[in-house]
């Protein structure tokens, strides 16, 4: 094997070999080990949370960013944050949650099929019907507390991130509605009433509230805890700190814009990108990748790039040590827009 191909795991030679034994550990954001572990602080989820926390600790907002965040806190209004990929939109939510002691950030990643219902709650009607049939076959019928019974209806309901954020509490939760510009045309308008009123109903519970003990049902939250919902309605006491992010792929309707505090983030500078790399890969990787950060910034003046691409390039060129470092980095950091 030549020196130029020593970093290759798959060689394309059609000959089996034990090259997988040389594969280094995965980057932190692609580490799926520990998923079955119940130990606190273990697993890939905890490592990702650790990276978010590190970013939050290192985040130093500019004057305008600081003012708009505080305006949203004072006015109890959602904060709409727009900017290019990697500008620090998501980090902002984690920074506020960390500094103000508001717990883990609730995240709702938006895709083209996302609906308001996805954010509020999910009712598993099929599972309930199956349990009713199984209970009937076993002779339990509709006895109180039996699977599928009215009293057990809450076990078939799980609140979404938005629904969980609107639960009554003395201090607000932080909710990150990520990449709202990827939604279909209806979702921004559908959000208006819920974000304005700070409450919503669960029809499946409202219909049977008079048959529930004290009108309450126990349901599961987005972060896996059980809470009681009274009369089938969720009403916040402290309005959550809601951060809606957008990469600027579309405009939003005026009714949504006037209900939000709008913050436009500028492209990240060298210091912010170095902080981003340091939080995910450590100080040594940030120092070793300083030249790639500079190349990334230079290219980003005329090309649409994402900071995730920079992370990939720095990690791979450090872990694999290929002979043509700059060439591999350029292959990984490809422009996301079409050349004009």
C-alpha atoms as a PDB file:
ATOM      1  CA  UNK A   1       0.000   0.000   0.000  1.00  0.00           C
ATOM      2  CA  UNK A   2       1.443   3.359  -0.996  1.00  0.00           C
ATOM      3  CA  UNK A   3       1.848   6.246   1.432  1.00  0.00           C
ATOM      4  CA  UNK A   4      -0.877   8.206  -0.355  1.00  0.00           C
ATOM      5  CA  UNK A   5      -3.437   5.450   0.311  1.00  0.00           C
ATOM      6  CA  UNK A   6      -2.524   4.583   3.905  1.00  0.00           C
ATOM      7  CA  UNK A   7      -5.507   6.487   5.305  1.00  0.00           C
ATOM      8  CA  UNK A   8      -8.003   4.556   3.136  1.00  0.00           C
ATOM      9  CA  UNK A   9     -10.119   1.917   4.898  1.00  0.00           C
ATOM     10  CA  UNK A  10     -11.958   0.761   1.785  1.00  0.00           C
ATOM     11  CA  UNK A  11      -9.377   0.389  -1.012  1.00  0.00           C
ATOM     12  CA  UNK A  12     -11.564  -0.747  -3.925  1.00  0.00           C
ATOM     13  CA  UNK A  13      -9.166  -3.594  -4.708  1.00  0.00           C
ATOM     14  CA  UNK A  14     -11.689  -6.429  -4.506  1.00  0.00           C
ATOM     15  CA  UNK A  15      -9.633  -8.237  -1.839  1.00  0.00           C
ATOM     16  CA  UNK A  16     -10.970  -8.814   1.710  1.00  0.00           C
ATOM     17  CA  UNK A  17      -8.816  -7.400   4.512  1.00  0.00           C
ATOM     18  CA  UNK A  18      -9.080  -6.301   8.179  1.00  0.00           C
ATOM     19  CA  UNK A  19      -9.001  -2.571   7.490  1.00  0.00           C
ATOM     20  CA  UNK A  20     -12.045  -1.908   9.724  1.00  0.00           C
ATOM     21  CA  UNK A  21      -9.814  -2.468  12.742  1.00  0.00           C
ATOM     22  CA  UNK A  22      -7.998   0.769  11.834  1.00  0.00           C
ATOM     23  CA  UNK A  23     -11.150   2.896  11.680  1.00  0.00           C
ATOM     24  CA  UNK A  24     -10.853   5.606  14.359  1.00  0.00           C
ATOM     25  CA  UNK A  25     -13.704   6.477  16.755  1.00  0.00           C
ATOM     26  CA  UNK A  26     -16.608   8.348  15.127  1.00  0.00           C
ATOM     27  CA  UNK A  27     -16.998  12.109  15.441  1.00  0.00           C
ATOM     28  CA  UNK A  28     -19.009  12.994  18.572  1.00  0.00           C
ATOM     29  CA  UNK A  29     -22.093  14.006  16.566  1.00  0.00           C
ATOM     30  CA  UNK A  30     -22.162  10.599  14.804  1.00  0.00           C
ATOM     31  CA  UNK A  31     -21.488   8.406  17.844  1.00  0.00           C
ATOM     32  CA  UNK A  32     -24.402   6.034  18.402  1.00  0.00           C
ATOM     33  CA  UNK A  33     -22.815   3.848  21.089  1.00  0.00           C
ATOM     34  CA  UNK A  34     -24.393   3.654  24.513  1.00  0.00           C
ATOM     35  CA  UNK A  35     -27.970   3.936  23.250  1.00  0.00           C
ATOM     36  CA  UNK A  36     -29.083   0.998  25.399  1.00  0.00           C
ATOM     37  CA  UNK A  37     -27.356   2.205  28.533  1.00  0.00           C
ATOM     38  CA  UNK A  38     -29.508   3.536  31.346  1.00  0.00           C
ATOM     39  CA  UNK A  39     -26.574   5.145  33.123  1.00  0.00           C
ATOM     40  CA  UNK A  40     -26.818   8.874  33.541  1.00  0.00           C
ATOM     41  CA  UNK A  41     -24.210  10.708  31.544  1.00  0.00           C
ATOM     42  CA  UNK A  42     -23.630   7.813  29.166  1.00  0.00           C
ATOM     43  CA  UNK A  43     -24.462   7.402  25.496  1.00  0.00           C
ATOM     44  CA  UNK A  44     -24.358   9.537  22.394  1.00  0.00           C
ATOM     45  CA  UNK A  45     -27.285  11.715  23.493  1.00  0.00           C
ATOM     46  CA  UNK A  46     -25.355  12.834  26.548  1.00  0.00           C
ATOM     47  CA  UNK A  47     -22.290  13.607  24.452  1.00  0.00           C
ATOM     48  CA  UNK A  48     -24.379  15.746  22.107  1.00  0.00           C
ATOM     49  CA  UNK A  49     -25.903  17.517  25.116  1.00  0.00           C
ATOM     50  CA  UNK A  50     -22.387  18.047  26.425  1.00  0.00           C
ATOM     51  CA  UNK A  51     -21.380  19.719  23.163  1.00  0.00           C
ATOM     52  CA  UNK A  52     -24.448  21.967  23.325  1.00  0.00           C
ATOM     53  CA  UNK A  53     -23.595  22.876  26.912  1.00  0.00           C
ATOM     54  CA  UNK A  54     -20.002  23.658  25.979  1.00  0.00           C
ATOM     55  CA  UNK A  55     -21.206  25.888  23.140  1.00  0.00           C
ATOM     56  CA  UNK A  56     -23.576  27.599  25.574  1.00  0.00           C
ATOM     57  CA  UNK A  57     -20.742  28.228  28.030  1.00  0.00           C
ATOM     58  CA  UNK A  58     -18.522  29.716  25.327  1.00  0.00           C
ATOM     59  CA  UNK A  59     -21.232  31.728  23.535  1.00  0.00           C
ATOM     60  CA  UNK A  60     -20.717  35.490  23.726  1.00  0.00           C
ATOM     61  CA  UNK A  61     -23.552  37.330  21.951  1.00  0.00           C
ATOM     62  CA  UNK A  62     -23.104  40.685  20.293  1.00  0.00           C
ATOM     63  CA  UNK A  63     -24.896  43.804  21.543  1.00  0.00           C
ATOM     64  CA  UNK A  64     -27.883  43.536  19.177  1.00  0.00           C
ATOM     65  CA  UNK A  65     -28.287  39.822  19.841  1.00  0.00           C
ATOM     66  CA  UNK A  66     -28.229  40.460  23.591  1.00  0.00           C
ATOM     67  CA  UNK A  67     -30.855  43.199  23.320  1.00  0.00           C
ATOM     68  CA  UNK A  68     -33.242  41.143  21.180  1.00  0.00           C
ATOM     69  CA  UNK A  69     -32.983  38.101  23.470  1.00  0.00           C
ATOM     70  CA  UNK A  70     -33.849  40.222  26.479  1.00  0.00           C
ATOM     71  CA  UNK A  71     -36.680  41.925  24.583  1.00  0.00           C
ATOM     72  CA  UNK A  72     -38.208  38.499  23.900  1.00  0.00           C
ATOM     73  CA  UNK A  73     -37.812  37.536  27.571  1.00  0.00           C
ATOM     74  CA  UNK A  74     -39.428  40.750  28.828  1.00  0.00           C
ATOM     75  CA  UNK A  75     -42.288  40.712  26.325  1.00  0.00           C
ATOM     76  CA  UNK A  76     -42.916  36.935  26.475  1.00  0.00           C
ATOM     77  CA  UNK A  77     -42.732  36.845  22.697  1.00  0.00           C
ATOM     78  CA  UNK A  78     -41.159  34.203  20.429  1.00  0.00           C
ATOM     79  CA  UNK A  79     -37.732  35.087  19.047  1.00  0.00           C
ATOM     80  CA  UNK A  80     -37.390  34.533  15.294  1.00  0.00           C
ATOM     81  CA  UNK A  81     -33.689  34.107  14.486  1.00  0.00           C
ATOM     82  CA  UNK A  82     -32.605  34.175  10.854  1.00  0.00           C
ATOM     83  CA  UNK A  83     -29.169  33.780   9.343  1.00  0.00           C
ATOM     84  CA  UNK A  84     -26.915  31.512   7.327  1.00  0.00           C
ATOM     85  CA  UNK A  85     -26.208  27.898   8.382  1.00  0.00           C
ATOM     86  CA  UNK A  86     -23.702  27.865  11.221  1.00  0.00           C
ATOM     87  CA  UNK A  87     -24.401  31.439  12.346  1.00  0.00           C
ATOM     88  CA  UNK A  88     -25.235  30.216  15.866  1.00  0.00           C
ATOM     89  CA  UNK A  89     -29.031  30.264  15.737  1.00  0.00           C
ATOM     90  CA  UNK A  90     -29.536  27.027  17.686  1.00  0.00           C
ATOM     91  CA  UNK A  91     -26.706  27.803  20.105  1.00  0.00           C
ATOM     92  CA  UNK A  92     -28.601  30.893  21.226  1.00  0.00           C
ATOM     93  CA  UNK A  93     -31.426  28.766  22.681  1.00  0.00           C
ATOM     94  CA  UNK A  94     -28.982  26.533  24.569  1.00  0.00           C
ATOM     95  CA  UNK A  95     -27.077  29.571  25.863  1.00  0.00           C
ATOM     96  CA  UNK A  96     -30.230  31.115  27.344  1.00  0.00           C
ATOM     97  CA  UNK A  97     -31.341  27.811  28.891  1.00  0.00           C
ATOM     98  CA  UNK A  98     -27.909  27.218  30.420  1.00  0.00           C
ATOM     99  CA  UNK A  99     -27.339  30.698  31.839  1.00  0.00           C
ATOM    100  CA  UNK A 100     -30.852  31.083  33.274  1.00  0.00           C
ATOM    101  CA  UNK A 101     -31.130  27.524  34.613  1.00  0.00           C
ATOM    102  CA  UNK A 102     -34.198  26.659  32.511  1.00  0.00           C
ATOM    103  CA  UNK A 103     -33.383  22.979  31.993  1.00  0.00           C
ATOM    104  CA  UNK A 104     -32.821  20.989  28.839  1.00  0.00           C
ATOM    105  CA  UNK A 105     -33.884  22.649  25.603  1.00  0.00           C
ATOM    106  CA  UNK A 106     -36.965  21.134  23.976  1.00  0.00           C
ATOM    107  CA  UNK A 107     -36.242  20.815  20.245  1.00  0.00           C
ATOM    108  CA  UNK A 108     -38.773  20.504  17.442  1.00  0.00           C
ATOM    109  CA  UNK A 109     -36.931  19.978  14.122  1.00  0.00           C
ATOM    110  CA  UNK A 110     -39.189  21.036  11.259  1.00  0.00           C
ATOM    111  CA  UNK A 111     -39.484  19.163   7.964  1.00  0.00           C
ATOM    112  CA  UNK A 112     -41.799  19.698   4.997  1.00  0.00           C
ATOM    113  CA  UNK A 113     -44.389  17.304   6.466  1.00  0.00           C
ATOM    114  CA  UNK A 114     -44.459  18.826   9.971  1.00  0.00           C
ATOM    115  CA  UNK A 115     -47.859  19.881  11.271  1.00  0.00           C
ATOM    116  CA  UNK A 116     -49.016  21.764  14.355  1.00  0.00           C
ATOM    117  CA  UNK A 117     -50.342  18.463  15.695  1.00  0.00           C
ATOM    118  CA  UNK A 118     -46.808  17.017  15.667  1.00  0.00           C
ATOM    119  CA  UNK A 119     -45.642  19.765  17.979  1.00  0.00           C
ATOM    120  CA  UNK A 120     -48.608  19.580  20.360  1.00  0.00           C
ATOM    121  CA  UNK A 121     -49.303  15.889  21.010  1.00  0.00           C
ATOM    122  CA  UNK A 122     -49.744  12.432  19.520  1.00  0.00           C
ATOM    123  CA  UNK A 123     -52.693  10.159  20.304  1.00  0.00           C
ATOM    124  CA  UNK A 124     -52.161   6.486  19.506  1.00  0.00           C
ATOM    125  CA  UNK A 125     -55.742   5.501  18.660  1.00  0.00           C
ATOM    126  CA  UNK A 126     -54.674   2.229  17.022  1.00  0.00           C
ATOM    127  CA  UNK A 127     -52.852   1.008  20.134  1.00  0.00           C
ATOM    128  CA  UNK A 128     -55.854   1.867  22.285  1.00  0.00           C
ATOM    129  CA  UNK A 129     -58.237  -0.009  19.975  1.00  0.00           C
ATOM    130  CA  UNK A 130     -55.966  -3.051  20.028  1.00  0.00           C
ATOM    131  CA  UNK A 131     -55.818  -2.973  23.843  1.00  0.00           C
ATOM    132  CA  UNK A 132     -59.626  -2.721  24.048  1.00  0.00           C
ATOM    133  CA  UNK A 133     -59.944  -5.805  21.846  1.00  0.00           C
ATOM    134  CA  UNK A 134     -57.349  -7.742  23.844  1.00  0.00           C
ATOM    135  CA  UNK A 135     -58.976  -6.758  27.158  1.00  0.00           C
ATOM    136  CA  UNK A 136     -62.412  -7.836  25.880  1.00  0.00           C
ATOM    137  CA  UNK A 137     -61.053 -11.212  24.801  1.00  0.00           C
ATOM    138  CA  UNK A 138     -59.524 -11.643  28.249  1.00  0.00           C
ATOM    139  CA  UNK A 139     -62.790 -10.908  29.987  1.00  0.00           C
ATOM    140  CA  UNK A 140     -61.780  -7.531  31.435  1.00  0.00           C
ATOM    141  CA  UNK A 141     -64.268  -5.551  29.379  1.00  0.00           C
ATOM    142  CA  UNK A 142     -64.096  -1.819  30.121  1.00  0.00           C
ATOM    143  CA  UNK A 143     -63.281  -2.119  33.818  1.00  0.00           C
ATOM    144  CA  UNK A 144     -61.763   0.977  35.399  1.00  0.00           C
ATOM    145  CA  UNK A 145     -58.037   1.082  34.781  1.00  0.00           C
ATOM    146  CA  UNK A 146     -58.129  -1.766  32.252  1.00  0.00           C
ATOM    147  CA  UNK A 147     -56.055  -1.324  29.076  1.00  0.00           C
ATOM    148  CA  UNK A 148     -58.008   0.803  26.633  1.00  0.00           C
ATOM    149  CA  UNK A 149     -60.479   2.036  29.278  1.00  0.00           C
ATOM    150  CA  UNK A 150     -61.421   5.686  29.669  1.00  0.00           C
ATOM    151  CA  UNK A 151     -59.331   5.935  32.847  1.00  0.00           C
ATOM    152  CA  UNK A 152     -56.262   4.675  30.957  1.00  0.00           C
ATOM    153  CA  UNK A 153     -56.638   6.991  27.969  1.00  0.00           C
ATOM    154  CA  UNK A 154     -53.703   9.156  29.041  1.00  0.00           C
ATOM    155  CA  UNK A 155     -51.284   6.288  28.462  1.00  0.00           C
ATOM    156  CA  UNK A 156     -51.976   6.618  24.724  1.00  0.00           C
ATOM    157  CA  UNK A 157     -51.105  10.321  24.596  1.00  0.00           C
ATOM    158  CA  UNK A 158     -47.639  11.847  24.387  1.00  0.00           C
ATOM    159  CA  UNK A 159     -47.073  15.586  24.304  1.00  0.00           C
ATOM    160  CA  UNK A 160     -44.825  16.988  21.593  1.00  0.00           C
ATOM    161  CA  UNK A 161     -42.089  19.583  22.190  1.00  0.00           C
ATOM    162  CA  UNK A 162     -44.476  22.531  21.859  1.00  0.00           C
ATOM    163  CA  UNK A 163     -47.103  20.840  24.021  1.00  0.00           C
ATOM    164  CA  UNK A 164     -44.506  20.070  26.700  1.00  0.00           C
ATOM    165  CA  UNK A 165     -43.208  23.664  26.656  1.00  0.00           C
ATOM    166  CA  UNK A 166     -46.755  24.930  27.370  1.00  0.00           C
ATOM    167  CA  UNK A 167     -47.224  22.861  30.526  1.00  0.00           C
ATOM    168  CA  UNK A 168     -47.882  25.019  33.603  1.00  0.00           C
ATOM    169  CA  UNK A 169     -44.707  25.758  35.572  1.00  0.00           C
ATOM    170  CA  UNK A 170     -43.271  28.602  37.622  1.00  0.00           C
ATOM    171  CA  UNK A 171     -40.299  29.061  35.281  1.00  0.00           C
ATOM    172  CA  UNK A 172     -40.452  28.826  31.471  1.00  0.00           C
ATOM    173  CA  UNK A 173     -38.999  26.036  29.373  1.00  0.00           C
ATOM    174  CA  UNK A 174     -36.871  26.819  26.333  1.00  0.00           C
ATOM    175  CA  UNK A 175     -38.302  25.566  23.039  1.00  0.00           C
ATOM    176  CA  UNK A 176     -36.261  25.493  19.832  1.00  0.00           C
ATOM    177  CA  UNK A 177     -38.438  25.276  16.701  1.00  0.00           C
ATOM    178  CA  UNK A 178     -35.615  24.579  14.289  1.00  0.00           C
ATOM    179  CA  UNK A 179     -35.640  25.528  10.590  1.00  0.00           C
ATOM    180  CA  UNK A 180     -39.221  26.733  10.342  1.00  0.00           C
ATOM    181  CA  UNK A 181     -38.552  27.806   6.761  1.00  0.00           C
ATOM    182  CA  UNK A 182     -38.559  24.112   5.772  1.00  0.00           C
ATOM    183  CA  UNK A 183     -42.244  23.727   6.711  1.00  0.00           C
ATOM    184  CA  UNK A 184     -45.147  23.717   4.310  1.00  0.00           C
ATOM    185  CA  UNK A 185     -47.026  26.959   3.718  1.00  0.00           C
ATOM    186  CA  UNK A 186     -49.616  26.375   6.475  1.00  0.00           C
ATOM    187  CA  UNK A 187     -47.521  25.698   9.594  1.00  0.00           C
ATOM    188  CA  UNK A 188     -46.415  29.300  10.364  1.00  0.00           C
ATOM    189  CA  UNK A 189     -50.065  30.430  10.299  1.00  0.00           C
ATOM    190  CA  UNK A 190     -51.183  27.396  12.297  1.00  0.00           C
ATOM    191  CA  UNK A 191     -48.742  28.330  15.063  1.00  0.00           C
ATOM    192  CA  UNK A 192     -50.237  31.793  15.537  1.00  0.00           C
ATOM    193  CA  UNK A 193     -53.103  31.002  17.896  1.00  0.00           C
ATOM    194  CA  UNK A 194     -51.164  28.633  20.137  1.00  0.00           C
ATOM    195  CA  UNK A 195     -48.244  31.050  20.480  1.00  0.00           C
ATOM    196  CA  UNK A 196     -50.648  33.915  21.171  1.00  0.00           C
ATOM    197  CA  UNK A 197     -52.899  32.149  23.680  1.00  0.00           C
ATOM    198  CA  UNK A 198     -50.321  29.908  25.376  1.00  0.00           C
ATOM    199  CA  UNK A 199     -52.758  26.996  25.612  1.00  0.00           C
ATOM    200  CA  UNK A 200     -54.384  24.232  23.609  1.00  0.00           C
ATOM    201  CA  UNK A 201     -56.933  21.480  24.044  1.00  0.00           C
ATOM    202  CA  UNK A 202     -56.623  17.737  23.632  1.00  0.00           C
ATOM    203  CA  UNK A 203     -60.038  16.729  22.234  1.00  0.00           C
ATOM    204  CA  UNK A 204     -59.576  13.059  23.153  1.00  0.00           C
ATOM    205  CA  UNK A 205     -59.307  14.093  26.812  1.00  0.00           C
ATOM    206  CA  UNK A 206     -61.846  16.914  26.702  1.00  0.00           C
ATOM    207  CA  UNK A 207     -64.551  14.484  25.547  1.00  0.00           C
ATOM    208  CA  UNK A 208     -64.104  12.206  28.557  1.00  0.00           C
ATOM    209  CA  UNK A 209     -62.972  14.719  31.217  1.00  0.00           C
ATOM    210  CA  UNK A 210     -66.186  14.251  33.238  1.00  0.00           C
ATOM    211  CA  UNK A 211     -65.496  10.509  33.477  1.00  0.00           C
ATOM    212  CA  UNK A 212     -61.887  10.856  34.655  1.00  0.00           C
ATOM    213  CA  UNK A 213     -60.919  10.975  38.346  1.00  0.00           C
ATOM    214  CA  UNK A 214     -60.904  14.693  39.237  1.00  0.00           C
ATOM    215  CA  UNK A 215     -61.036  15.348  35.488  1.00  0.00           C
ATOM    216  CA  UNK A 216     -57.343  14.485  35.178  1.00  0.00           C
ATOM    217  CA  UNK A 217     -55.366  12.136  32.940  1.00  0.00           C
ATOM    218  CA  UNK A 218     -51.695  11.222  33.222  1.00  0.00           C
ATOM    219  CA  UNK A 219     -49.807  11.707  29.948  1.00  0.00           C
ATOM    220  CA  UNK A 220     -46.189  11.453  28.836  1.00  0.00           C
ATOM    221  CA  UNK A 221     -44.142  14.536  27.943  1.00  0.00           C
ATOM    222  CA  UNK A 222     -41.682  14.942  25.070  1.00  0.00           C
ATOM    223  CA  UNK A 223     -38.787  14.449  27.474  1.00  0.00           C
ATOM    224  CA  UNK A 224     -40.188  11.265  28.983  1.00  0.00           C
ATOM    225  CA  UNK A 225     -41.783  12.344  32.267  1.00  0.00           C
ATOM    226  CA  UNK A 226     -45.397  11.834  33.334  1.00  0.00           C
ATOM    227  CA  UNK A 227     -47.643  14.792  34.093  1.00  0.00           C
ATOM    228  CA  UNK A 228     -51.319  15.228  34.831  1.00  0.00           C
ATOM    229  CA  UNK A 229     -53.558  17.202  32.469  1.00  0.00           C
ATOM    230  CA  UNK A 230     -56.827  18.551  33.860  1.00  0.00           C
ATOM    231  CA  UNK A 231     -60.032  18.905  31.807  1.00  0.00           C
ATOM    232  CA  UNK A 232     -58.151  18.046  28.631  1.00  0.00           C
ATOM    233  CA  UNK A 233     -56.409  21.421  28.356  1.00  0.00           C
ATOM    234  CA  UNK A 234     -52.763  22.460  28.643  1.00  0.00           C
ATOM    235  CA  UNK A 235     -52.269  26.057  29.815  1.00  0.00           C
ATOM    236  CA  UNK A 236     -48.916  27.651  30.503  1.00  0.00           C
ATOM    237  CA  UNK A 237     -48.291  29.849  33.542  1.00  0.00           C
ATOM    238  CA  UNK A 238     -44.883  31.083  32.441  1.00  0.00           C
ATOM    239  CA  UNK A 239     -44.756  31.530  28.658  1.00  0.00           C
ATOM    240  CA  UNK A 240     -41.863  29.477  27.260  1.00  0.00           C
ATOM    241  CA  UNK A 241     -38.832  31.108  25.697  1.00  0.00           C
ATOM    242  CA  UNK A 242     -39.482  30.114  22.082  1.00  0.00           C
ATOM    243  CA  UNK A 243     -36.712  30.360  19.499  1.00  0.00           C
ATOM    244  CA  UNK A 244     -37.777  29.892  15.881  1.00  0.00           C
ATOM    245  CA  UNK A 245     -34.858  29.566  13.477  1.00  0.00           C
ATOM    246  CA  UNK A 246     -34.764  30.088   9.721  1.00  0.00           C
ATOM    247  CA  UNK A 247     -32.021  29.869   7.107  1.00  0.00           C
ATOM    248  CA  UNK A 248     -33.872  32.459   5.048  1.00  0.00           C
ATOM    249  CA  UNK A 249     -35.235  30.037   2.441  1.00  0.00           C
ATOM    250  CA  UNK A 250     -38.664  31.702   2.528  1.00  0.00           C
ATOM    251  CA  UNK A 251     -40.563  34.701   3.857  1.00  0.00           C
ATOM    252  CA  UNK A 252     -43.048  34.361   6.689  1.00  0.00           C
ATOM    253  CA  UNK A 253     -46.566  35.837   6.866  1.00  0.00           C
ATOM    254  CA  UNK A 254     -46.936  39.276   8.439  1.00  0.00           C
ATOM    255  CA  UNK A 255     -49.172  38.022  11.302  1.00  0.00           C
ATOM    256  CA  UNK A 256     -46.360  35.741  12.482  1.00  0.00           C
ATOM    257  CA  UNK A 257     -43.696  38.410  12.072  1.00  0.00           C
ATOM    258  CA  UNK A 258     -45.588  40.945  14.174  1.00  0.00           C
ATOM    259  CA  UNK A 259     -45.960  38.430  16.998  1.00  0.00           C
ATOM    260  CA  UNK A 260     -42.225  37.698  17.082  1.00  0.00           C
ATOM    261  CA  UNK A 261     -39.073  39.565  17.981  1.00  0.00           C
ATOM    262  CA  UNK A 262     -36.861  39.292  14.881  1.00  0.00           C
ATOM    263  CA  UNK A 263     -33.095  38.883  15.111  1.00  0.00           C
ATOM    264  CA  UNK A 264     -30.894  38.611  12.012  1.00  0.00           C
ATOM    265  CA  UNK A 265     -27.515  37.033  12.753  1.00  0.00           C
ATOM    266  CA  UNK A 266     -24.518  37.931  10.650  1.00  0.00           C
ATOM    267  CA  UNK A 267     -22.162  35.349   9.199  1.00  0.00           C
ATOM    268  CA  UNK A 268     -19.934  33.896  11.944  1.00  0.00           C
ATOM    269  CA  UNK A 269     -16.439  35.324  12.195  1.00  0.00           C
ATOM    270  CA  UNK A 270     -13.210  33.411  12.835  1.00  0.00           C
ATOM    271  CA  UNK A 271     -13.596  33.584  16.616  1.00  0.00           C
ATOM    272  CA  UNK A 272     -17.121  32.186  16.619  1.00  0.00           C
ATOM    273  CA  UNK A 273     -16.230  29.366  14.226  1.00  0.00           C
ATOM    274  CA  UNK A 274     -13.205  28.458  16.338  1.00  0.00           C
ATOM    275  CA  UNK A 275     -15.492  28.328  19.383  1.00  0.00           C
ATOM    276  CA  UNK A 276     -17.882  26.065  17.456  1.00  0.00           C
ATOM    277  CA  UNK A 277     -15.055  23.679  16.529  1.00  0.00           C
ATOM    278  CA  UNK A 278     -13.622  23.753  20.051  1.00  0.00           C
ATOM    279  CA  UNK A 279     -16.970  22.817  21.605  1.00  0.00           C
ATOM    280  CA  UNK A 280     -17.319  19.735  19.395  1.00  0.00           C
ATOM    281  CA  UNK A 281     -13.731  18.595  18.888  1.00  0.00           C
ATOM    282  CA  UNK A 282     -11.633  20.210  21.600  1.00  0.00           C
ATOM    283  CA  UNK A 283      -8.880  22.830  21.785  1.00  0.00           C
ATOM    284  CA  UNK A 284      -6.256  20.835  19.903  1.00  0.00           C
ATOM    285  CA  UNK A 285      -8.516  20.249  16.886  1.00  0.00           C
ATOM    286  CA  UNK A 286      -9.474  23.933  16.832  1.00  0.00           C
ATOM    287  CA  UNK A 287      -5.812  24.934  16.748  1.00  0.00           C
ATOM    288  CA  UNK A 288      -4.929  22.324  14.110  1.00  0.00           C
ATOM    289  CA  UNK A 289      -7.885  23.390  11.962  1.00  0.00           C
ATOM    290  CA  UNK A 290      -7.188  27.113  12.128  1.00  0.00           C
ATOM    291  CA  UNK A 291      -6.092  27.224   8.486  1.00  0.00           C
ATOM    292  CA  UNK A 292      -9.248  25.395   7.372  1.00  0.00           C
ATOM    293  CA  UNK A 293     -11.368  27.883   9.330  1.00  0.00           C
ATOM    294  CA  UNK A 294      -9.669  30.715   7.449  1.00  0.00           C
ATOM    295  CA  UNK A 295     -10.234  28.972   4.082  1.00  0.00           C
ATOM    296  CA  UNK A 296     -13.872  28.368   5.029  1.00  0.00           C
ATOM    297  CA  UNK A 297     -14.410  32.048   5.862  1.00  0.00           C
ATOM    298  CA  UNK A 298     -12.770  33.167   2.638  1.00  0.00           C
ATOM    299  CA  UNK A 299     -14.972  30.897   0.534  1.00  0.00           C
ATOM    300  CA  UNK A 300     -18.136  31.781   2.470  1.00  0.00           C
ATOM    301  CA  UNK A 301     -17.898  35.365   1.204  1.00  0.00           C
ATOM    302  CA  UNK A 302     -19.063  34.172  -2.212  1.00  0.00           C
ATOM    303  CA  UNK A 303     -20.454  30.684  -1.554  1.00  0.00           C
ATOM    304  CA  UNK A 304     -23.186  29.278   0.689  1.00  0.00           C
ATOM    305  CA  UNK A 305     -21.487  26.921   3.137  1.00  0.00           C
ATOM    306  CA  UNK A 306     -22.503  25.297   6.428  1.00  0.00           C
ATOM    307  CA  UNK A 307     -20.435  25.067   9.594  1.00  0.00           C
ATOM    308  CA  UNK A 308     -21.214  21.334   9.799  1.00  0.00           C
ATOM    309  CA  UNK A 309     -19.118  20.896   6.660  1.00  0.00           C
ATOM    310  CA  UNK A 310     -16.199  22.586   8.397  1.00  0.00           C
ATOM    311  CA  UNK A 311     -16.537  20.226  11.359  1.00  0.00           C
ATOM    312  CA  UNK A 312     -16.480  17.224   9.028  1.00  0.00           C
ATOM    313  CA  UNK A 313     -13.363  18.486   7.265  1.00  0.00           C
ATOM    314  CA  UNK A 314     -11.424  19.260  10.444  1.00  0.00           C
ATOM    315  CA  UNK A 315     -12.328  15.965  12.083  1.00  0.00           C
ATOM    316  CA  UNK A 316     -11.509  13.814   9.047  1.00  0.00           C
ATOM    317  CA  UNK A 317      -8.263  15.514   8.114  1.00  0.00           C
ATOM    318  CA  UNK A 318      -7.143  15.193  11.740  1.00  0.00           C
ATOM    319  CA  UNK A 319      -8.308  11.610  12.380  1.00  0.00           C
ATOM    320  CA  UNK A 320      -7.306  10.141   9.009  1.00  0.00           C
ATOM    321  CA  UNK A 321      -4.258  12.332   8.265  1.00  0.00           C
ATOM    322  CA  UNK A 322      -4.618  12.085   4.459  1.00  0.00           C
ATOM    323  CA  UNK A 323      -1.664  13.221   2.361  1.00  0.00           C
ATOM    324  CA  UNK A 324      -3.711  15.851   0.520  1.00  0.00           C
ATOM    325  CA  UNK A 325      -5.388  17.627   3.430  1.00  0.00           C
ATOM    326  CA  UNK A 326      -6.529  20.754   1.590  1.00  0.00           C
ATOM    327  CA  UNK A 327      -7.901  18.790  -1.356  1.00  0.00           C
ATOM    328  CA  UNK A 328      -9.973  16.507   0.894  1.00  0.00           C
ATOM    329  CA  UNK A 329     -11.249  19.496   2.863  1.00  0.00           C
ATOM    330  CA  UNK A 330     -12.369  21.217  -0.334  1.00  0.00           C
ATOM    331  CA  UNK A 331     -14.187  18.055  -1.427  1.00  0.00           C
ATOM    332  CA  UNK A 332     -16.064  17.936   1.883  1.00  0.00           C
ATOM    333  CA  UNK A 333     -16.861  21.654   1.982  1.00  0.00           C
ATOM    334  CA  UNK A 334     -18.869  21.979  -1.218  1.00  0.00           C
ATOM    335  CA  UNK A 335     -21.019  25.005  -1.856  1.00  0.00           C
ATOM    336  CA  UNK A 336     -24.693  24.540  -1.090  1.00  0.00           C
ATOM    337  CA  UNK A 337     -25.895  27.033  -3.671  1.00  0.00           C
ATOM    338  CA  UNK A 338     -25.590  26.797  -7.428  1.00  0.00           C
ATOM    339  CA  UNK A 339     -22.738  28.725  -9.069  1.00  0.00           C
ATOM    340  CA  UNK A 340     -24.068  31.864 -10.731  1.00  0.00           C
END
